[in-house]
Amino acid sequence: MTPEFCPHCSPEVPANAKVCPECGSTEETGWSEEAKADYLGLPDDSFDYDEFVRSEFGGEDHSRRKVRWYWWVAIGLMVLALLGLLW
């Protein structure tokens, strides 16, 4: 039997609804919190994101890349060209 209001997240549940439209709770799961993410394939609490990144992308840190010297030269030349146009 469908409850009038979801006992888990409290919004109104339409008559004859199989699941709560807000949280996904069902009669089979007892209108429980576990119904929210059971079938989404999400990692559990023991998932270590940093370990995942190291295993997928290697151990080196890519967050701080060095800007090559030629990019600084190119930027400098562009600034000089813009200043030349203003004068």
C-alpha atoms as a PDB file:
ATOM      1  CA  MET A   1       0.000   0.000   0.000  1.00  0.00           C
ATOM      2  CA  THR A   2       1.344   3.396  -0.980  1.00  0.00           C
ATOM      3  CA  PRO A   3       1.570   5.835   1.934  1.00  0.00           C
ATOM      4  CA  GLU A   4       0.082   9.309   1.554  1.00  0.00           C
ATOM      5  CA  PHE A   5       3.413  10.894   2.498  1.00  0.00           C
ATOM      6  CA  CYS A   6       6.868   9.333   2.181  1.00  0.00           C
ATOM      7  CA  PRO A   7       8.026   8.295   5.663  1.00  0.00           C
ATOM      8  CA  HIS A   8      11.626   8.926   4.634  1.00  0.00           C
ATOM      9  CA  CYS A   9      11.669  12.366   2.994  1.00  0.00           C
ATOM     10  CA  SER A  10       8.085  13.605   3.683  1.00  0.00           C
ATOM     11  CA  PRO A  11       6.729  14.807   0.296  1.00  0.00           C
ATOM     12  CA  GLU A  12       3.316  13.718  -0.868  1.00  0.00           C
ATOM     13  CA  VAL A  13       3.351  10.405  -2.766  1.00  0.00           C
ATOM     14  CA  PRO A  14       0.827  10.157  -5.635  1.00  0.00           C
ATOM     15  CA  ALA A  15      -1.862   7.489  -5.301  1.00  0.00           C
ATOM     16  CA  ASN A  16      -0.811   4.078  -6.681  1.00  0.00           C
ATOM     17  CA  ALA A  17       2.807   5.201  -7.003  1.00  0.00           C
ATOM     18  CA  LYS A  18       5.385   2.424  -6.916  1.00  0.00           C
ATOM     19  CA  VAL A  19       8.192   4.672  -5.629  1.00  0.00           C
ATOM     20  CA  CYS A  20       8.582   8.029  -3.930  1.00  0.00           C
ATOM     21  CA  PRO A  21       9.215  10.652  -6.641  1.00  0.00           C
ATOM     22  CA  GLU A  22      11.724  12.463  -4.412  1.00  0.00           C
ATOM     23  CA  CYS A  23      13.940   9.808  -2.791  1.00  0.00           C
ATOM     24  CA  GLY A  24      13.109   6.571  -4.621  1.00  0.00           C
ATOM     25  CA  SER A  25      11.925   4.660  -1.561  1.00  0.00           C
ATOM     26  CA  THR A  26       9.609   1.749  -2.383  1.00  0.00           C
ATOM     27  CA  GLU A  27       7.237  -0.582  -0.614  1.00  0.00           C
ATOM     28  CA  GLU A  28       9.709  -3.460  -1.127  1.00  0.00           C
ATOM     29  CA  THR A  29      12.497  -1.609   0.669  1.00  0.00           C
ATOM     30  CA  GLY A  30      10.176  -0.493   3.408  1.00  0.00           C
ATOM     31  CA  TRP A  31      10.268   3.088   2.224  1.00  0.00           C
ATOM     32  CA  SER A  32      13.786   3.245   3.574  1.00  0.00           C
ATOM     33  CA  GLU A  33      16.819   5.456   3.083  1.00  0.00           C
ATOM     34  CA  GLU A  34      18.705   2.633   1.355  1.00  0.00           C
ATOM     35  CA  ALA A  35      16.254   2.838  -1.545  1.00  0.00           C
ATOM     36  CA  LYS A  36      17.667   6.226  -2.516  1.00  0.00           C
ATOM     37  CA  ALA A  37      20.957   4.953  -3.958  1.00  0.00           C
ATOM     38  CA  ASP A  38      20.659   1.172  -4.165  1.00  0.00           C
ATOM     39  CA  TYR A  39      20.632   0.844  -7.934  1.00  0.00           C
ATOM     40  CA  LEU A  40      22.782   3.820  -8.918  1.00  0.00           C
ATOM     41  CA  GLY A  41      26.093   1.974  -8.763  1.00  0.00           C
ATOM     42  CA  LEU A  42      27.662   4.617  -6.537  1.00  0.00           C
ATOM     43  CA  PRO A  43      30.816   3.789  -4.572  1.00  0.00           C
ATOM     44  CA  ASP A  44      30.392   3.060  -0.885  1.00  0.00           C
ATOM     45  CA  ASP A  45      31.932   4.993   2.001  1.00  0.00           C
ATOM     46  CA  SER A  46      35.193   3.049   1.807  1.00  0.00           C
ATOM     47  CA  PHE A  47      35.946   4.420  -1.702  1.00  0.00           C
ATOM     48  CA  ASP A  48      39.267   6.286  -1.734  1.00  0.00           C
ATOM     49  CA  TYR A  49      39.181   8.905  -4.489  1.00  0.00           C
ATOM     50  CA  ASP A  50      42.891   9.746  -4.200  1.00  0.00           C
ATOM     51  CA  GLU A  51      43.831   6.082  -4.614  1.00  0.00           C
ATOM     52  CA  PHE A  52      41.535   5.860  -7.648  1.00  0.00           C
ATOM     53  CA  VAL A  53      43.232   8.866  -9.262  1.00  0.00           C
ATOM     54  CA  ARG A  54      46.704   7.418  -8.595  1.00  0.00           C
ATOM     55  CA  SER A  55      45.733   4.051 -10.084  1.00  0.00           C
ATOM     56  CA  GLU A  56      44.107   5.599 -13.159  1.00  0.00           C
ATOM     57  CA  PHE A  57      46.522   8.430 -13.940  1.00  0.00           C
ATOM     58  CA  GLY A  58      49.789   7.390 -12.350  1.00  0.00           C
ATOM     59  CA  GLY A  59      51.585   8.619  -9.306  1.00  0.00           C
ATOM     60  CA  GLU A  60      52.895  11.980 -10.480  1.00  0.00           C
ATOM     61  CA  ASP A  61      51.123  15.153  -9.488  1.00  0.00           C
ATOM     62  CA  HIS A  62      49.695  17.014 -12.496  1.00  0.00           C
ATOM     63  CA  SER A  63      48.043  19.770 -10.493  1.00  0.00           C
ATOM     64  CA  ARG A  64      51.023  22.145 -10.788  1.00  0.00           C
ATOM     65  CA  ARG A  65      52.373  22.180 -14.302  1.00  0.00           C
ATOM     66  CA  LYS A  66      55.255  24.430 -15.209  1.00  0.00           C
ATOM     67  CA  VAL A  67      54.619  27.046 -17.849  1.00  0.00           C
ATOM     68  CA  ARG A  68      57.245  26.644 -20.527  1.00  0.00           C
ATOM     69  CA  TRP A  69      59.543  29.579 -21.241  1.00  0.00           C
ATOM     70  CA  TYR A  70      58.298  30.007 -24.825  1.00  0.00           C
ATOM     71  CA  TRP A  71      54.772  30.687 -23.572  1.00  0.00           C
ATOM     72  CA  TRP A  72      56.126  33.535 -21.458  1.00  0.00           C
ATOM     73  CA  VAL A  73      57.925  34.882 -24.532  1.00  0.00           C
ATOM     74  CA  ALA A  74      54.741  34.615 -26.620  1.00  0.00           C
ATOM     75  CA  ILE A  75      52.718  36.420 -23.945  1.00  0.00           C
ATOM     76  CA  GLY A  76      55.359  39.132 -23.685  1.00  0.00           C
ATOM     77  CA  LEU A  77      55.356  39.657 -27.460  1.00  0.00           C
ATOM     78  CA  MET A  78      51.573  39.891 -27.504  1.00  0.00           C
ATOM     79  CA  VAL A  79      51.614  42.485 -24.713  1.00  0.00           C
ATOM     80  CA  LEU A  80      54.239  44.503 -26.581  1.00  0.00           C
ATOM     81  CA  ALA A  81      52.195  44.303 -29.781  1.00  0.00           C
ATOM     82  CA  LEU A  82      49.088  45.517 -27.967  1.00  0.00           C
ATOM     83  CA  LEU A  83      51.030  48.376 -26.379  1.00  0.00           C
ATOM     84  CA  GLY A  84      52.419  49.267 -29.821  1.00  0.00           C
ATOM     85  CA  LEU A  85      48.890  49.495 -31.192  1.00  0.00           C
ATOM     86  CA  LEU A  86      47.836  51.828 -28.383  1.00  0.00           C
ATOM     87  CA  TRP A  87      50.685  54.296 -28.969  1.00  0.00           C
END
